[in-house]
Amino acid sequence: MSGLSISRRGLLTGLSVLGASAAIGACGAKTGSDRTTTAGAKADTSGDTVRVGLLNSLSGTMAISEVTVHNALLLAVKEINADGGVLGKKLDPVSQDGASDWPTFAEKAEALITGDKVAATFGCWTSASRKAVKPVFERHRSLLFYPVQYEGLEQSPYIFYTGATTNQQIVPALDYLRKKGLTRLYLVGSDYVFPRTANKIIRAYAKGNGMRVLGEDYAPLGSTEFSTLVNKVKESGADAVFNTLNGDSNVAFFKEYKSSGLTAKALPVLSVSIAEEEVKSIGAPYLEGQLTAWNYYQTTPGAANTAFVDAYQAAYGKDKPTSDPMEAAYLSVHLWKAMVEKAGSFDVAKVKAAADGITFDAPEGKVTVDGATQHVHKTARIGRIGADGLITEVWSSGRPVKPDPYLKGYDWASGLS
């Protein structure tokens, strides 16, 4: 059952790694500074190629989500190389398996930076993995492009966040539920930093916006036992579930949910870590009618998305769906290319200085880098899962939302940061 659980070493060590950093991040302190212990690692740009790192879980409980992100990164590299590369150099992707184990992520990040001498690294999924590698990238002054929605309350000078921050996903999701009259929430999540911090934010939102949290439960990553938790949800009196479970725990949760007699119509679940790939793995019959909050769906209209879906399926199979984290990973490589070309250099300091205002016509629509936060302007979308396994947009912000990782623009969040 190794595919369904993290090693005990990974979980315990990961929690200890997070002990300080998660506490800082959850408090809202700005994590990360330019204080480092080295002069900065140098990428090897001496030849006709330049290496880039791909750091994803290709095994373990998170592989259900991260393998497809890895594939999307490879697709972006292939496209860039076909178009002549970056500053005349072809990209040489070096893949490392984080294996759903946070200390392994840190070890692999170190290897990519110091051994492979990559110009930038693209990857991680869970906030636990990101927080484990964050000090590695800061110490070496090397760049990580992180492609997944996360809990916010963080900013690092050596991380570009191309997935949604809180005001681009969680806050719009709560606004949507409130406007639908679904104001009594039950919170279900995996037991690590993202769900716990996200739920802290959700509680603050609820308190300031006339909503109630009737229950809050966590399961270990990789957990497959949800009968007790689902019974608590069923008996709680909630009218919606906010789900921050990650990885293949979602398979067991939704199968138990349906087995218990709960339905999307009677008690909808809004998920922030289930995209098309997870729907395919869980099975559309278990998810039909349930809600998701993302910035991109395979069904998002536009020529850029049509081209992306066609290219991905041509490379990996006509039955392979695309998803938000895949798209955010794909666009991250293209954004880095644009930064490097604007800077005229692979030098990290110059690339960072060139980042502000960089735009890309992404599958989700136009995205723009905010240099001050190193996050990206993104359109918020709520979707409903269909019987065909695809997700159809039911609400959109209509325009890209400026990133606000510390929720400075919200009075109800004043105590979080």
Foldseek 3Di string as FASTA:
>chain_A
DQQQDDDPCLVVVLCVLCVVVLVLLQLLHAPADLDADDPAFAWDPPDQATEEEEEFACGHQQVLPTVLLSLLLVLLLVVCVVVQHFLNHRYDYDYDHCNSGQLSLQVVLLCCCHPVRHLAYEDDEAVSNVSSNQNVCSNRVHAYEYQAEFAFSYFYLRYFDLFAFCVQWVVVVVVVCVVVVQQEEEEEEAPDSGSVSNVVVVCLCSVVPVGHYQYYDHHHRSDQDCLVVLVCVVPRPGQEYEYHYHGPSVLNNLVNNVVVVHDCVRYAYEYAHDALSNCVVSDLVSAAFHKYKGQDFLPQDDPQSVVSLVSSCVVPNVPDGDTRSSQSSSVVVVLLSVLCNQLVHSDSVSSLVSQAQRWDQTSSGIKGAHSVRSYIFTKMFMWGAHNVSTTDTPDIPPGTDDHDSSPPVDPSSVSRD
